[in-house]
Protein backbone atom coordinates (compact mmCIF):
# COMPACT_ATOMS: atom_id res chain seq x y z
CA PRO A 1 110.04 126.64 99.42
CA MET A 2 111.18 129.45 101.23
CA THR A 3 113.95 130.37 98.04
CA SER A 4 110.97 130.23 95.19
CA ILE A 5 108.35 131.73 97.56
CA GLY A 6 111.02 134.96 98.11
CA GLY A 7 112.46 134.86 94.39
CA PHE A 8 108.86 135.12 92.79
CA ILE A 9 107.45 137.30 95.67
CA ASP A 10 110.47 140.30 94.90
CA GLY A 11 110.62 139.54 91.32
CA ILE A 12 106.41 140.82 91.17
CA LEU A 13 107.34 143.57 93.69
CA ASP A 14 110.31 144.76 91.32
CA GLY A 15 108.78 144.74 87.94
CA THR A 16 111.10 141.64 87.19
CA ILE A 17 107.86 139.53 86.47
CA PRO A 18 105.41 141.46 83.81
CA GLU A 19 101.90 141.63 85.64
CA SER A 20 100.64 139.29 82.64
CA GLN A 21 102.18 136.65 84.28
CA HIS A 22 101.64 137.36 87.99
CA LYS A 23 98.67 135.21 88.28
CA LYS A 24 100.90 132.09 87.12
CA TYR A 25 103.85 132.82 89.64
CA LEU A 26 101.33 133.40 92.53
CA ARG A 27 100.08 130.01 91.83
CA ILE A 28 103.53 128.64 91.98
CA VAL A 29 103.60 130.36 95.66
CA SER A 30 100.49 129.29 96.62
CA ASP A 31 102.02 125.93 96.02
CA GLU A 32 105.32 126.42 97.35
CA VAL A 33 103.42 127.18 100.47
CA ALA A 34 100.85 124.49 101.60
CA ARG A 35 104.59 122.50 100.86
CA LEU A 36 106.25 124.07 103.05
CA SER A 37 103.14 123.96 105.78
CA ARG A 38 103.39 120.39 105.18
CA LEU A 39 106.75 120.06 105.68
CA VAL A 40 106.39 121.37 108.67
CA ARG A 41 103.24 120.16 110.23
CA SER A 42 105.83 116.42 109.58
CA MET A 43 108.46 117.57 110.77
CA LEU A 44 106.62 118.78 114.07
CA ASN A 45 104.43 115.53 114.30
CA LEU A 46 107.64 113.67 113.92
CA SER A 47 109.10 116.14 116.83
CA LYS A 48 105.94 115.00 118.82
CA ILE A 49 105.95 111.19 118.29
CA GLU A 50 109.78 110.97 119.48
CA ALA A 51 109.13 112.75 122.64
CA GLY A 52 106.30 111.18 123.59
CA GLU A 53 104.49 114.02 123.44
CA MET A 54 101.51 112.91 120.14
CA LYS A 55 97.87 112.35 122.10
CA LEU A 56 95.97 110.04 119.60
CA GLU A 57 92.48 111.21 118.89
CA CYS A 58 91.02 107.75 118.16
CA LYS A 59 87.57 108.11 116.64
CA PRO A 60 85.91 105.56 114.20
CA PHE A 61 85.25 107.28 110.83
CA ASN A 62 84.98 106.30 107.27
CA ALA A 63 88.42 106.18 105.30
CA LEU A 64 86.29 106.50 101.83
CA ASN A 65 85.76 110.14 102.89
CA VAL A 66 89.60 110.47 103.88
CA ILE A 67 90.73 109.18 100.60
CA ALA A 68 87.96 110.89 98.49
CA GLN A 69 89.47 114.41 100.00
CA THR A 70 93.27 113.09 99.40
CA LEU A 71 92.04 112.38 95.76
CA PHE A 72 90.40 115.92 94.89
CA ASN A 73 94.18 117.51 96.21
CA PHE A 74 95.72 115.62 93.65
CA GLU A 75 93.16 116.29 90.63
CA ASN A 76 95.39 117.98 88.83
CA ALA A 77 98.31 115.59 88.31
CA ILE A 78 95.62 112.47 87.94
CA ASN A 79 94.40 114.20 84.65
CA GLU A 80 97.66 115.51 83.82
CA LYS A 81 98.70 111.51 83.61
CA ASN A 82 95.33 110.24 82.26
CA LEU A 83 95.04 108.05 85.94
CA GLU A 84 92.22 105.30 86.06
CA ILE A 85 91.02 105.53 89.39
CA ARG A 86 90.05 101.44 90.74
CA GLY A 87 88.77 100.00 93.55
CA LEU A 88 86.42 102.62 94.70
CA ASP A 89 83.38 101.29 94.47
CA VAL A 90 82.72 99.82 97.64
CA ASP A 91 80.53 100.27 100.82
CA ASP A 92 81.85 102.37 103.81
CA ILE A 93 85.27 101.20 105.42
CA TRP A 94 85.07 102.45 108.92
CA VAL A 95 88.26 102.44 110.83
CA GLU A 96 89.44 103.95 114.00
CA ALA A 97 92.10 106.37 114.60
CA ASP A 98 93.12 109.73 114.70
CA GLU A 99 91.67 111.22 111.53
CA ASP A 100 93.82 113.78 111.23
CA LEU A 101 96.90 111.78 111.30
CA ILE A 102 95.39 108.78 108.75
CA HIS A 103 94.57 112.13 106.24
CA GLN A 104 98.24 112.78 106.54
CA VAL A 105 99.40 109.17 106.05
CA ILE A 106 96.92 108.92 102.55
CA TYR A 107 98.11 111.89 101.34
CA ASN A 108 101.72 110.95 101.64
CA LEU A 109 101.06 107.58 99.81
CA MET A 110 98.89 108.98 97.38
CA ASP A 111 101.88 111.56 96.60
CA ASN A 112 104.23 108.97 95.82
CA ALA A 113 101.83 106.39 94.03
CA ILE A 114 101.13 109.93 92.04
CA LYS A 115 105.22 110.75 91.54
CA PHE A 116 105.95 106.91 90.60
CA VAL A 117 103.18 105.64 88.20
CA ASN A 118 102.91 105.72 84.60
CA GLN A 119 101.36 108.12 82.19
CA ASN A 120 98.07 106.71 81.97
CA GLY A 121 98.42 104.19 84.55
CA TYR A 122 96.38 103.57 87.26
CA ILE A 123 95.83 103.92 90.61
CA GLU A 124 93.97 101.09 92.56
CA PHE A 125 93.04 100.62 96.20
CA GLY A 126 92.01 97.17 98.09
CA PHE A 127 90.37 96.93 101.18
CA ARG A 128 89.73 93.80 103.34
CA ASN A 129 89.13 92.78 106.99
CA ILE A 130 91.47 90.51 109.14
CA ALA A 131 90.39 89.76 112.17
CA SER A 132 89.36 93.24 114.39
CA ARG A 133 91.60 94.62 111.51
CA THR A 134 90.83 96.50 108.28
CA GLU A 135 93.74 96.39 105.74
CA ILE A 136 93.76 99.28 103.31
CA THR A 137 96.18 98.81 100.21
CA ILE A 138 97.01 101.40 97.35
CA ARG A 139 99.35 100.30 94.40
CA ASN A 140 100.27 102.13 91.64
CA SER A 141 100.86 100.58 88.15
CA GLY A 142 104.75 101.62 87.19
CA GLU A 143 108.20 101.01 87.11
CA GLY A 144 108.31 99.22 90.52
CA LEU A 145 111.11 99.17 92.95
CA ALA A 146 114.16 97.50 93.08
CA PRO A 147 114.31 94.75 95.87
CA ASP A 148 117.38 96.09 97.55
CA GLU A 149 115.17 99.84 97.63
CA MET A 150 112.21 98.14 99.30
CA ASN A 151 114.22 97.77 102.67
CA LYS A 152 115.05 101.28 102.42
CA VAL A 153 112.10 103.06 101.67
CA PHE A 154 110.71 103.88 105.04
CA ASP A 155 114.40 105.23 106.29
CA ARG A 156 114.23 109.00 106.72
CA PHE A 157 115.55 110.79 104.46
CA TYR A 158 116.39 108.10 101.59
CA LYS A 159 115.44 108.53 98.28
CA THR A 160 115.32 105.82 95.70
CA ASP A 161 117.28 106.80 92.38
CA LYS A 162 114.50 107.46 90.66
CA SER A 163 112.88 109.77 93.03
CA ARG A 164 115.92 111.94 92.72
CA GLY A 165 115.19 112.81 89.40
CA LEU A 166 111.30 112.76 89.46
CA ASP A 167 111.29 115.04 92.62
CA LYS A 168 114.01 117.19 93.19
CA ASN A 169 111.83 118.93 95.63
CA GLY A 170 111.31 116.38 98.10
CA VAL A 171 113.48 115.61 101.52
CA GLY A 172 112.80 111.95 101.49
CA LEU A 173 110.40 112.34 104.68
CA GLY A 174 106.86 111.24 103.47
CA LEU A 175 107.50 107.46 104.00
CA ASN A 176 108.67 107.52 107.18
CA ILE A 177 106.24 109.79 108.68
CA VAL A 178 103.42 107.21 107.44
CA LYS A 179 105.39 104.50 109.17
CA THR A 180 105.81 106.53 112.18
CA ILE A 181 102.13 107.36 112.21
CA ILE A 182 100.93 103.49 111.37
CA ASN A 183 103.39 102.50 114.22
CA LEU A 184 101.81 105.02 116.60
CA HIS A 185 98.22 103.25 115.72
CA ASP A 186 99.88 99.53 116.72
CA GLY A 187 99.41 98.78 113.43
CA ASP A 188 101.59 97.55 110.29
CA ILE A 189 102.44 98.82 106.74
CA VAL A 190 104.26 96.51 104.09
CA VAL A 191 105.46 97.45 101.06
CA ARG A 192 105.28 95.05 97.97
CA SER A 193 106.53 95.37 94.20
CA LYS A 194 106.64 93.61 90.80
CA LYS A 195 109.68 95.22 88.98
CA GLY A 196 108.54 96.42 85.79
CA GLU A 197 104.53 96.36 86.89
CA TYR A 198 103.51 97.95 90.09
CA THR A 199 104.27 98.82 93.37
CA GLU A 200 101.83 98.81 96.70
CA PHE A 201 101.67 99.71 99.91
CA SER A 202 99.18 98.43 103.04
CA ILE A 203 98.14 99.85 106.06
CA THR A 204 96.62 97.88 108.97
CA LEU A 205 94.32 99.81 111.50
CA LYS A 206 92.07 98.50 113.86
CA THR A 207 88.18 98.29 112.40
CA GLY A 208 86.02 101.05 113.44
CA LYS A 209 82.21 100.72 113.95
CA PRO A 210 79.57 102.91 112.20
CA PRO A 211 77.27 105.13 114.27
CA VAL A 212 74.04 103.44 115.03
CA LYS A 213 71.08 105.13 113.48
CA PRO A 214 68.91 106.83 115.00
CA ARG A 215 65.71 104.82 114.61
CA ARG A 216 62.71 106.90 112.45
CA SER A 217 59.51 107.08 114.77
CA SER A 218 57.39 105.11 112.15
CA ASP A 219 60.07 102.31 112.95
CA LYS A 220 59.26 102.22 116.64
CA GLU A 221 55.03 102.95 115.64
CA GLN A 222 55.76 99.38 113.63
CA GLN A 223 56.22 97.86 116.49
């Protein structure tokens, strides 16, 4: 990202990029700054986890709110590919985890799904309770993964042959970070794929208890 940021800023300052194009290239610079920020945060989180310095701040929260915020971040990409978003017409999904870290997990999984989903395809969310755990699944239509790729997608710096063509800026950390964060929560992550149809990732976290709503005075009077 630093190469793009420096190049475009220099082009604006020395007049190589005409004033009429400033807004366009400043938008690119803004996107690259955001990407750099995510990369730095990811590397810092990995370093802290490996050093045993990452302190989880677990609390109950509604996972649907995190998913909604993440979808908003990908609104342009969703519209450009004309994607159908499925599975969100459900009741609140409460989990107990570090909300900031799970936000990063959902972001990385969505980033991966949008990268590989086909034009006019779909991204589908699924939720189910398993004992005291909640499973969240994100499935995208598309080409799917080859069997030999499924064993490697969580490896650090691994990129499939297809992703090298689709995402020249990525460094192969996204899914590794997802697995590292989920493992830190004593959760599970599973990848499933059917060639030519879909790929899906499922994460399992501790189920959270929603906050108890205070009783209204009228309710107490009726009792």
